Amino acid sequence: MSHVTVTSSETGLRKVEYRPSYIYTYSSRGPYLIPPSVYVEYNHGDIRMALDMEDVEALLYALGVAMVEHAVAVKESPAPIDPELVA
């Protein structure tokens, strides 16, 4: 299961790390399989995401769509007006 923690307005990607699955053993219980995940951390470590692989795949496709939409919007938008030319 994925979770997101946001505690700051800081921005800027700091690191993205793949974490493979592993076996965690409780002292009083049997072993527990931790599934693979991707850990994303932003500057100052105040914004962190731990995503399961299903959410990573969904986010990857959604980001691809957003990038295409942005490219289309930039291409179709009128050229910015230079304030010095208007004055």
N, C-alpha and C. Protein backbone atom coordinates (compact mmCIF):
# COMPACT_ATOMS: atom_id res chain seq x y z
N MET A 1 0.85 -1.18 0.00
CA MET A 1 0.00 0.00 0.00
C MET A 1 0.88 1.23 0.00
N SER A 2 0.50 2.21 -0.76
CA SER A 2 1.26 3.45 -0.86
C SER A 2 0.79 4.44 0.18
N HIS A 3 1.69 5.33 0.55
CA HIS A 3 1.30 6.42 1.44
C HIS A 3 2.10 7.66 1.08
N VAL A 4 1.55 8.81 1.39
CA VAL A 4 2.20 10.08 1.10
C VAL A 4 2.25 10.89 2.39
N THR A 5 3.39 11.46 2.69
CA THR A 5 3.55 12.33 3.85
C THR A 5 3.97 13.70 3.35
N VAL A 6 3.20 14.72 3.68
CA VAL A 6 3.55 16.09 3.28
C VAL A 6 3.57 16.95 4.54
N THR A 7 4.74 17.51 4.84
CA THR A 7 4.85 18.34 6.04
C THR A 7 5.50 19.69 5.76
N SER A 8 5.73 20.01 4.49
CA SER A 8 6.42 21.25 4.17
C SER A 8 6.05 21.70 2.78
N SER A 9 6.24 22.99 2.52
CA SER A 9 5.97 23.51 1.18
C SER A 9 7.23 23.51 0.32
N GLU A 10 8.31 22.94 0.80
CA GLU A 10 9.55 22.87 0.03
C GLU A 10 9.33 22.02 -1.23
N THR A 11 10.01 22.39 -2.31
CA THR A 11 9.91 21.63 -3.54
C THR A 11 11.30 21.27 -4.05
N GLY A 12 11.35 20.44 -5.03
CA GLY A 12 12.61 20.02 -5.63
C GLY A 12 12.89 18.57 -5.31
N LEU A 13 12.98 17.76 -6.33
CA LEU A 13 13.21 16.33 -6.15
C LEU A 13 14.62 16.08 -5.64
N ARG A 14 14.72 15.32 -4.58
CA ARG A 14 16.03 15.02 -3.99
C ARG A 14 16.53 13.66 -4.44
N LYS A 15 15.68 12.61 -4.32
CA LYS A 15 16.11 11.29 -4.77
C LYS A 15 14.92 10.39 -5.03
N VAL A 16 15.14 9.42 -5.89
CA VAL A 16 14.17 8.37 -6.17
C VAL A 16 14.94 7.06 -6.03
N GLU A 17 14.40 6.15 -5.24
CA GLU A 17 15.12 4.92 -4.93
C GLU A 17 14.20 3.71 -5.04
N TYR A 18 14.65 2.68 -5.78
CA TYR A 18 13.92 1.42 -5.84
C TYR A 18 14.30 0.59 -4.62
N ARG A 19 13.29 0.03 -3.97
CA ARG A 19 13.54 -0.83 -2.82
C ARG A 19 12.96 -2.21 -3.11
N PRO A 20 13.83 -3.20 -3.31
CA PRO A 20 13.34 -4.55 -3.63
C PRO A 20 12.61 -5.18 -2.44
N SER A 21 11.87 -6.23 -2.74
CA SER A 21 11.15 -6.92 -1.67
C SER A 21 12.15 -7.58 -0.72
N TYR A 22 11.71 -7.77 0.51
CA TYR A 22 12.55 -8.44 1.50
C TYR A 22 11.67 -9.07 2.57
N ILE A 23 12.27 -9.93 3.35
CA ILE A 23 11.56 -10.62 4.44
C ILE A 23 11.86 -9.90 5.75
N TYR A 24 10.81 -9.46 6.42
CA TYR A 24 10.95 -8.84 7.73
C TYR A 24 10.45 -9.82 8.77
N THR A 25 11.19 -10.02 9.83
CA THR A 25 10.80 -10.96 10.87
C THR A 25 10.52 -10.22 12.17
N TYR A 26 9.28 -10.38 12.65
CA TYR A 26 8.93 -9.84 13.95
C TYR A 26 9.55 -10.71 15.02
N SER A 27 9.81 -10.14 16.18
CA SER A 27 10.40 -10.95 17.25
C SER A 27 9.42 -11.99 17.77
N SER A 28 8.12 -11.68 17.77
CA SER A 28 7.14 -12.62 18.31
C SER A 28 6.32 -13.32 17.22
N ARG A 29 6.51 -12.94 15.96
CA ARG A 29 5.74 -13.53 14.87
C ARG A 29 6.67 -14.09 13.81
N GLY A 30 6.08 -14.76 12.84
CA GLY A 30 6.86 -15.32 11.75
C GLY A 30 7.28 -14.24 10.76
N PRO A 31 7.96 -14.65 9.72
CA PRO A 31 8.43 -13.69 8.72
C PRO A 31 7.28 -13.06 7.95
N TYR A 32 7.51 -11.84 7.49
CA TYR A 32 6.51 -11.08 6.75
C TYR A 32 7.19 -10.54 5.50
N LEU A 33 6.60 -10.77 4.33
CA LEU A 33 7.17 -10.31 3.07
C LEU A 33 6.80 -8.85 2.83
N ILE A 34 7.80 -8.00 2.70
CA ILE A 34 7.62 -6.59 2.35
C ILE A 34 7.76 -6.51 0.83
N PRO A 35 6.72 -6.06 0.12
CA PRO A 35 6.79 -6.03 -1.34
C PRO A 35 7.73 -4.93 -1.85
N PRO A 36 8.15 -5.04 -3.11
CA PRO A 36 9.02 -3.99 -3.66
C PRO A 36 8.28 -2.66 -3.72
N SER A 37 9.05 -1.57 -3.65
CA SER A 37 8.45 -0.24 -3.68
C SER A 37 9.44 0.76 -4.26
N VAL A 38 8.96 1.95 -4.49
CA VAL A 38 9.80 3.06 -4.93
C VAL A 38 9.65 4.16 -3.89
N TYR A 39 10.77 4.66 -3.42
CA TYR A 39 10.80 5.70 -2.40
C TYR A 39 11.21 7.00 -3.07
N VAL A 40 10.40 8.04 -2.89
CA VAL A 40 10.66 9.35 -3.48
C VAL A 40 10.80 10.36 -2.35
N GLU A 41 11.87 11.15 -2.40
CA GLU A 41 12.09 12.15 -1.35
C GLU A 41 12.38 13.49 -2.01
N TYR A 42 11.77 14.52 -1.45
CA TYR A 42 12.00 15.88 -1.94
C TYR A 42 12.99 16.59 -1.03
N ASN A 43 13.43 17.77 -1.43
CA ASN A 43 14.43 18.52 -0.66
C ASN A 43 14.04 18.63 0.81
N HIS A 44 15.05 18.62 1.64
CA HIS A 44 14.94 18.75 3.10
C HIS A 44 14.28 17.53 3.75
N GLY A 45 13.92 16.51 2.97
CA GLY A 45 13.38 15.29 3.53
C GLY A 45 12.02 15.42 4.17
N ASP A 46 11.34 16.55 3.98
CA ASP A 46 10.05 16.75 4.61
C ASP A 46 8.90 16.18 3.80
N ILE A 47 9.13 15.93 2.53
CA ILE A 47 8.10 15.37 1.67
C ILE A 47 8.61 14.03 1.16
N ARG A 48 7.90 12.96 1.49
CA ARG A 48 8.33 11.61 1.12
C ARG A 48 7.14 10.82 0.60
N MET A 49 7.40 9.94 -0.36
CA MET A 49 6.38 9.02 -0.85
C MET A 49 7.00 7.63 -0.91
N ALA A 50 6.27 6.65 -0.45
CA ALA A 50 6.65 5.25 -0.61
C ALA A 50 5.53 4.63 -1.43
N LEU A 51 5.83 4.29 -2.68
CA LEU A 51 4.81 3.80 -3.61
C LEU A 51 4.99 2.32 -3.90
N ASP A 52 3.89 1.57 -3.87
CA ASP A 52 3.98 0.18 -4.30
C ASP A 52 4.10 0.18 -5.82
N MET A 53 4.51 -0.92 -6.39
CA MET A 53 4.82 -0.97 -7.81
C MET A 53 3.58 -0.73 -8.68
N GLU A 54 2.42 -1.12 -8.22
CA GLU A 54 1.19 -0.85 -8.97
C GLU A 54 0.94 0.66 -9.07
N ASP A 55 1.15 1.38 -7.99
CA ASP A 55 0.98 2.83 -8.00
C ASP A 55 2.08 3.51 -8.82
N VAL A 56 3.29 2.96 -8.80
CA VAL A 56 4.38 3.51 -9.61
C VAL A 56 4.01 3.42 -11.09
N GLU A 57 3.49 2.28 -11.50
CA GLU A 57 3.09 2.11 -12.90
C GLU A 57 1.97 3.08 -13.28
N ALA A 58 0.96 3.21 -12.43
CA ALA A 58 -0.15 4.13 -12.71
C ALA A 58 0.35 5.57 -12.77
N LEU A 59 1.25 5.94 -11.86
CA LEU A 59 1.80 7.29 -11.86
C LEU A 59 2.64 7.54 -13.10
N LEU A 60 3.42 6.56 -13.50
CA LEU A 60 4.25 6.68 -14.70
C LEU A 60 3.40 7.01 -15.92
N TYR A 61 2.31 6.27 -16.12
CA TYR A 61 1.43 6.52 -17.26
C TYR A 61 0.73 7.88 -17.13
N ALA A 62 0.28 8.22 -15.94
CA ALA A 62 -0.40 9.50 -15.73
C ALA A 62 0.56 10.67 -15.97
N LEU A 63 1.81 10.55 -15.56
CA LEU A 63 2.79 11.60 -15.81
C LEU A 63 3.08 11.74 -17.30
N GLY A 64 3.12 10.62 -18.01
CA GLY A 64 3.31 10.67 -19.46
C GLY A 64 2.19 11.43 -20.15
N VAL A 65 0.96 11.16 -19.74
CA VAL A 65 -0.20 11.88 -20.29
C VAL A 65 -0.10 13.36 -19.97
N ALA A 66 0.24 13.69 -18.74
CA ALA A 66 0.36 15.09 -18.34
C ALA A 66 1.44 15.81 -19.14
N MET A 67 2.55 15.13 -19.42
CA MET A 67 3.62 15.75 -20.21
C MET A 67 3.17 16.01 -21.64
N VAL A 68 2.42 15.09 -22.24
CA VAL A 68 1.91 15.29 -23.59
C VAL A 68 0.91 16.44 -23.60
N GLU A 69 0.02 16.48 -22.61
CA GLU A 69 -0.95 17.58 -22.53
C GLU A 69 -0.23 18.92 -22.39
N HIS A 70 0.83 18.96 -21.60
CA HIS A 70 1.59 20.20 -21.43
C HIS A 70 2.26 20.60 -22.74
N ALA A 71 2.85 19.64 -23.44
CA ALA A 71 3.51 19.95 -24.72
C ALA A 71 2.51 20.51 -25.72
N VAL A 72 1.32 19.94 -25.76
CA VAL A 72 0.27 20.44 -26.66
C VAL A 72 -0.14 21.85 -26.25
N ALA A 73 -0.32 22.09 -24.96
CA ALA A 73 -0.72 23.41 -24.48
C ALA A 73 0.33 24.46 -24.82
N VAL A 74 1.60 24.13 -24.67
CA VAL A 74 2.68 25.07 -24.99
C VAL A 74 2.70 25.35 -26.49
N LYS A 75 2.53 24.29 -27.28
CA LYS A 75 2.56 24.45 -28.74
C LYS A 75 1.40 25.30 -29.24
N GLU A 76 0.22 25.14 -28.64
CA GLU A 76 -0.97 25.83 -29.10
C GLU A 76 -1.13 27.23 -28.50
N SER A 77 -0.38 27.54 -27.46
CA SER A 77 -0.53 28.85 -26.83
C SER A 77 0.13 29.92 -27.70
N PRO A 78 -0.42 31.13 -27.68
CA PRO A 78 0.22 32.21 -28.44
C PRO A 78 1.58 32.55 -27.84
N ALA A 79 2.45 33.07 -28.68
CA ALA A 79 3.78 33.45 -28.21
C ALA A 79 3.65 34.54 -27.15
N PRO A 80 4.47 34.49 -26.12
CA PRO A 80 4.41 35.53 -25.08
C PRO A 80 4.75 36.90 -25.68
N ILE A 81 4.08 37.93 -25.16
CA ILE A 81 4.29 39.29 -25.64
C ILE A 81 5.44 39.91 -24.84
N ASP A 82 6.40 40.49 -25.57
CA ASP A 82 7.52 41.16 -24.94
C ASP A 82 7.04 42.53 -24.44
N PRO A 83 7.07 42.79 -23.14
CA PRO A 83 6.59 44.07 -22.61
C PRO A 83 7.29 45.28 -23.23
N GLU A 84 8.55 45.13 -23.61
CA GLU A 84 9.29 46.26 -24.20
C GLU A 84 8.75 46.63 -25.58
N LEU A 85 8.21 45.66 -26.31
CA LEU A 85 7.65 45.95 -27.64
C LEU A 85 6.33 46.69 -27.53
N VAL A 86 5.59 46.47 -26.45
CA VAL A 86 4.28 47.11 -26.27
C VAL A 86 4.46 48.56 -25.84
N ALA A 87 5.46 48.86 -25.05
CA ALA A 87 5.65 50.21 -24.49
C ALA A 87 5.96 51.26 -25.49
